[in-house]
Amino acid sequence: MIRYVHIIVLFITGYLFCCCTPYNADKVNNSLIQGKWILTDVDRAVYDSINVDYNKERTYLIFDGDKCAQHMSDWEDTLNFRFTIHNYELNLYKDDTPFRSLDIDALSKDSLVLSIADNKWVYKKAER
């Protein structure tokens, strides 16, 4: 009887390990980042004495699939990139050449914080 219990426990344990998908942060972050984000704050040494009205000078990041566009409405300019996410790092590519890597400090359904060293960019979700 005890032998059958051990066999059943081993079977159930093996079944659970084989059927459960492990948490994949890269996949989850790639899903969360999709959509349109608006820049709401910048924390950079160069901007310490400059006040920027982000309601007037809007900058957007738009993620769609593996594409990312940075649209700066005040300059009427758009930069297009391809991106990947790996280990909480957003890697941008321009014409398949590495362009920039940013740390993902925070990412939720309505908040995105990116940084490089002491420079930090804070975004909120503009659209889904």
C-alpha atoms as a PDB file:
ATOM      1  CA  MET A   1       0.000   0.000   0.000  1.00  0.00           C
ATOM      2  CA  ILE A   2       2.764   2.465   0.915  1.00  0.00           C
ATOM      3  CA  ARG A   3       4.527   1.577  -2.319  1.00  0.00           C
ATOM      4  CA  TYR A   4       1.470   2.609  -4.329  1.00  0.00           C
ATOM      5  CA  VAL A   5       1.244   5.916  -2.447  1.00  0.00           C
ATOM      6  CA  HIS A   6       4.896   6.675  -3.315  1.00  0.00           C
ATOM      7  CA  ILE A   7       4.279   5.828  -6.961  1.00  0.00           C
ATOM      8  CA  ILE A   8       1.188   8.060  -7.078  1.00  0.00           C
ATOM      9  CA  VAL A   9       3.050  10.950  -5.380  1.00  0.00           C
ATOM     10  CA  LEU A  10       5.951  10.614  -7.839  1.00  0.00           C
ATOM     11  CA  PHE A  11       3.532  10.514 -10.781  1.00  0.00           C
ATOM     12  CA  ILE A  12       1.663  13.635  -9.610  1.00  0.00           C
ATOM     13  CA  THR A  13       4.909  15.517  -8.889  1.00  0.00           C
ATOM     14  CA  GLY A  14       6.311  14.632 -12.328  1.00  0.00           C
ATOM     15  CA  TYR A  15       3.052  15.609 -14.003  1.00  0.00           C
ATOM     16  CA  LEU A  16       3.012  19.011 -12.286  1.00  0.00           C
ATOM     17  CA  PHE A  17       6.618  19.771 -13.246  1.00  0.00           C
ATOM     18  CA  CYS A  18       6.045  18.797 -16.870  1.00  0.00           C
ATOM     19  CA  CYS A  19       2.773  20.677 -17.335  1.00  0.00           C
ATOM     20  CA  CYS A  20       3.498  23.959 -15.600  1.00  0.00           C
ATOM     21  CA  THR A  21       5.020  26.776 -17.623  1.00  0.00           C
ATOM     22  CA  PRO A  22       7.805  28.510 -15.710  1.00  0.00           C
ATOM     23  CA  TYR A  23       7.540  32.266 -15.159  1.00  0.00           C
ATOM     24  CA  ASN A  24       9.183  34.030 -18.073  1.00  0.00           C
ATOM     25  CA  ALA A  25       9.849  37.670 -17.137  1.00  0.00           C
ATOM     26  CA  ASP A  26      11.022  38.562 -20.658  1.00  0.00           C
ATOM     27  CA  LYS A  27       7.761  37.319 -22.187  1.00  0.00           C
ATOM     28  CA  VAL A  28       5.630  39.050 -19.529  1.00  0.00           C
ATOM     29  CA  ASN A  29       7.536  42.333 -19.879  1.00  0.00           C
ATOM     30  CA  ASN A  30       7.294  42.158 -23.666  1.00  0.00           C
ATOM     31  CA  SER A  31       3.520  41.817 -23.308  1.00  0.00           C
ATOM     32  CA  LEU A  32       3.217  44.609 -20.704  1.00  0.00           C
ATOM     33  CA  ILE A  33       5.254  47.115 -22.707  1.00  0.00           C
ATOM     34  CA  GLN A  34       3.028  46.933 -25.796  1.00  0.00           C
ATOM     35  CA  GLY A  35       1.080  50.107 -26.573  1.00  0.00           C
ATOM     36  CA  LYS A  36       1.599  53.854 -26.418  1.00  0.00           C
ATOM     37  CA  TRP A  37       3.480  55.492 -23.519  1.00  0.00           C
ATOM     38  CA  ILE A  38       3.838  59.215 -22.796  1.00  0.00           C
ATOM     39  CA  LEU A  39       6.902  60.696 -21.100  1.00  0.00           C
ATOM     40  CA  THR A  40       5.871  62.360 -17.826  1.00  0.00           C
ATOM     41  CA  ASP A  41       9.174  63.025 -16.062  1.00  0.00           C
ATOM     42  CA  VAL A  42      12.919  63.020 -16.679  1.00  0.00           C
ATOM     43  CA  ASP A  43      15.511  62.780 -13.936  1.00  0.00           C
ATOM     44  CA  ARG A  44      18.813  63.803 -15.499  1.00  0.00           C
ATOM     45  CA  ALA A  45      21.637  65.978 -14.235  1.00  0.00           C
ATOM     46  CA  VAL A  46      21.401  68.139 -17.356  1.00  0.00           C
ATOM     47  CA  TYR A  47      17.758  69.004 -16.551  1.00  0.00           C
ATOM     48  CA  ASP A  48      18.328  70.016 -12.917  1.00  0.00           C
ATOM     49  CA  SER A  49      17.860  73.711 -13.664  1.00  0.00           C
ATOM     50  CA  ILE A  50      15.476  73.396 -16.614  1.00  0.00           C
ATOM     51  CA  ASN A  51      11.718  73.057 -16.225  1.00  0.00           C
ATOM     52  CA  VAL A  52      10.084  71.141 -19.042  1.00  0.00           C
ATOM     53  CA  ASP A  53       6.341  71.260 -19.651  1.00  0.00           C
ATOM     54  CA  TYR A  54       5.683  67.650 -20.668  1.00  0.00           C
ATOM     55  CA  ASN A  55       2.049  68.471 -21.471  1.00  0.00           C
ATOM     56  CA  LYS A  56       3.258  70.843 -24.188  1.00  0.00           C
ATOM     57  CA  GLU A  57       6.357  68.998 -25.376  1.00  0.00           C
ATOM     58  CA  ARG A  58       4.967  65.480 -25.661  1.00  0.00           C
ATOM     59  CA  THR A  59       7.235  62.534 -26.274  1.00  0.00           C
ATOM     60  CA  TYR A  60       5.762  59.099 -26.883  1.00  0.00           C
ATOM     61  CA  LEU A  61       7.155  55.593 -27.029  1.00  0.00           C
ATOM     62  CA  ILE A  62       4.998  53.295 -29.121  1.00  0.00           C
ATOM     63  CA  PHE A  63       5.625  49.549 -28.894  1.00  0.00           C
ATOM     64  CA  ASP A  64       4.020  47.257 -31.446  1.00  0.00           C
ATOM     65  CA  GLY A  65       5.238  43.672 -31.720  1.00  0.00           C
ATOM     66  CA  ASP A  66       9.027  43.951 -31.834  1.00  0.00           C
ATOM     67  CA  LYS A  67       8.976  47.532 -33.153  1.00  0.00           C
ATOM     68  CA  CYS A  68       9.392  50.712 -31.108  1.00  0.00           C
ATOM     69  CA  ALA A  69       8.858  54.278 -32.280  1.00  0.00           C
ATOM     70  CA  GLN A  70       9.825  57.384 -30.332  1.00  0.00           C
ATOM     71  CA  HIS A  71       7.615  60.262 -31.452  1.00  0.00           C
ATOM     72  CA  MET A  72       8.508  63.784 -30.327  1.00  0.00           C
ATOM     73  CA  SER A  73       5.562  65.984 -31.238  1.00  0.00           C
ATOM     74  CA  ASP A  74       7.320  69.255 -30.380  1.00  0.00           C
ATOM     75  CA  TRP A  75      10.048  68.462 -32.942  1.00  0.00           C
ATOM     76  CA  GLU A  76       7.644  66.697 -35.290  1.00  0.00           C
ATOM     77  CA  ASP A  77      10.111  63.811 -35.431  1.00  0.00           C
ATOM     78  CA  THR A  78       9.837  60.034 -35.106  1.00  0.00           C
ATOM     79  CA  LEU A  79      12.679  57.558 -34.575  1.00  0.00           C
ATOM     80  CA  ASN A  80      12.004  53.911 -35.403  1.00  0.00           C
ATOM     81  CA  PHE A  81      13.697  50.957 -33.739  1.00  0.00           C
ATOM     82  CA  ARG A  82      13.434  47.215 -33.314  1.00  0.00           C
ATOM     83  CA  PHE A  83      13.594  46.095 -29.683  1.00  0.00           C
ATOM     84  CA  THR A  84      14.139  43.084 -27.473  1.00  0.00           C
ATOM     85  CA  ILE A  85      13.726  42.625 -23.744  1.00  0.00           C
ATOM     86  CA  HIS A  86      16.094  40.400 -21.806  1.00  0.00           C
ATOM     87  CA  ASN A  87      16.730  40.298 -18.044  1.00  0.00           C
ATOM     88  CA  TYR A  88      14.903  43.599 -17.388  1.00  0.00           C
ATOM     89  CA  GLU A  89      16.848  45.383 -20.107  1.00  0.00           C
ATOM     90  CA  LEU A  90      15.293  47.081 -23.125  1.00  0.00           C
ATOM     91  CA  ASN A  91      17.636  46.727 -26.097  1.00  0.00           C
ATOM     92  CA  LEU A  92      17.030  49.057 -29.047  1.00  0.00           C
ATOM     93  CA  TYR A  93      18.338  48.372 -32.543  1.00  0.00           C
ATOM     94  CA  LYS A  94      18.577  50.758 -35.483  1.00  0.00           C
ATOM     95  CA  ASP A  95      18.842  48.906 -38.805  1.00  0.00           C
ATOM     96  CA  ASP A  96      19.715  45.697 -36.879  1.00  0.00           C
ATOM     97  CA  THR A  97      22.669  47.448 -35.217  1.00  0.00           C
ATOM     98  CA  PRO A  98      22.614  47.806 -31.413  1.00  0.00           C
ATOM     99  CA  PHE A  99      21.665  51.403 -30.644  1.00  0.00           C
ATOM    100  CA  ARG A 100      21.027  51.634 -26.888  1.00  0.00           C
ATOM    101  CA  SER A 101      20.288  49.471 -23.861  1.00  0.00           C
ATOM    102  CA  LEU A 102      18.092  50.820 -21.080  1.00  0.00           C
ATOM    103  CA  ASP A 103      17.376  49.251 -17.708  1.00  0.00           C
ATOM    104  CA  ILE A 104      13.702  48.570 -17.002  1.00  0.00           C
ATOM    105  CA  ASP A 105      13.394  49.848 -13.424  1.00  0.00           C
ATOM    106  CA  ALA A 106       9.607  49.434 -13.302  1.00  0.00           C
ATOM    107  CA  LEU A 107       6.970  48.132 -15.669  1.00  0.00           C
ATOM    108  CA  SER A 108       3.289  47.613 -14.975  1.00  0.00           C
ATOM    109  CA  LYS A 109       0.112  47.940 -17.006  1.00  0.00           C
ATOM    110  CA  ASP A 110       0.180  51.747 -16.583  1.00  0.00           C
ATOM    111  CA  SER A 111       3.752  52.708 -15.570  1.00  0.00           C
ATOM    112  CA  LEU A 112       7.171  52.406 -17.222  1.00  0.00           C
ATOM    113  CA  VAL A 113      10.494  53.625 -15.813  1.00  0.00           C
ATOM    114  CA  LEU A 114      13.636  53.330 -17.923  1.00  0.00           C
ATOM    115  CA  SER A 115      17.167  54.302 -16.916  1.00  0.00           C
ATOM    116  CA  ILE A 116      20.816  54.450 -17.894  1.00  0.00           C
ATOM    117  CA  ALA A 117      23.181  55.100 -14.991  1.00  0.00           C
ATOM    118  CA  ASP A 118      21.832  58.271 -13.267  1.00  0.00           C
ATOM    119  CA  ASN A 119      19.438  59.173 -16.093  1.00  0.00           C
ATOM    120  CA  LYS A 120      15.818  58.131 -15.634  1.00  0.00           C
ATOM    121  CA  TRP A 121      12.719  58.452 -17.842  1.00  0.00           C
ATOM    122  CA  VAL A 122       9.219  57.976 -16.412  1.00  0.00           C
ATOM    123  CA  TYR A 123       6.289  57.108 -18.692  1.00  0.00           C
ATOM    124  CA  LYS A 124       2.612  56.479 -18.175  1.00  0.00           C
ATOM    125  CA  LYS A 125       0.364  54.464 -20.455  1.00  0.00           C
ATOM    126  CA  ALA A 126      -1.393  56.695 -22.979  1.00  0.00           C
ATOM    127  CA  GLU A 127      -3.376  54.002 -24.820  1.00  0.00           C
ATOM    128  CA  ARG A 128      -3.831  50.257 -24.768  1.00  0.00           C
END
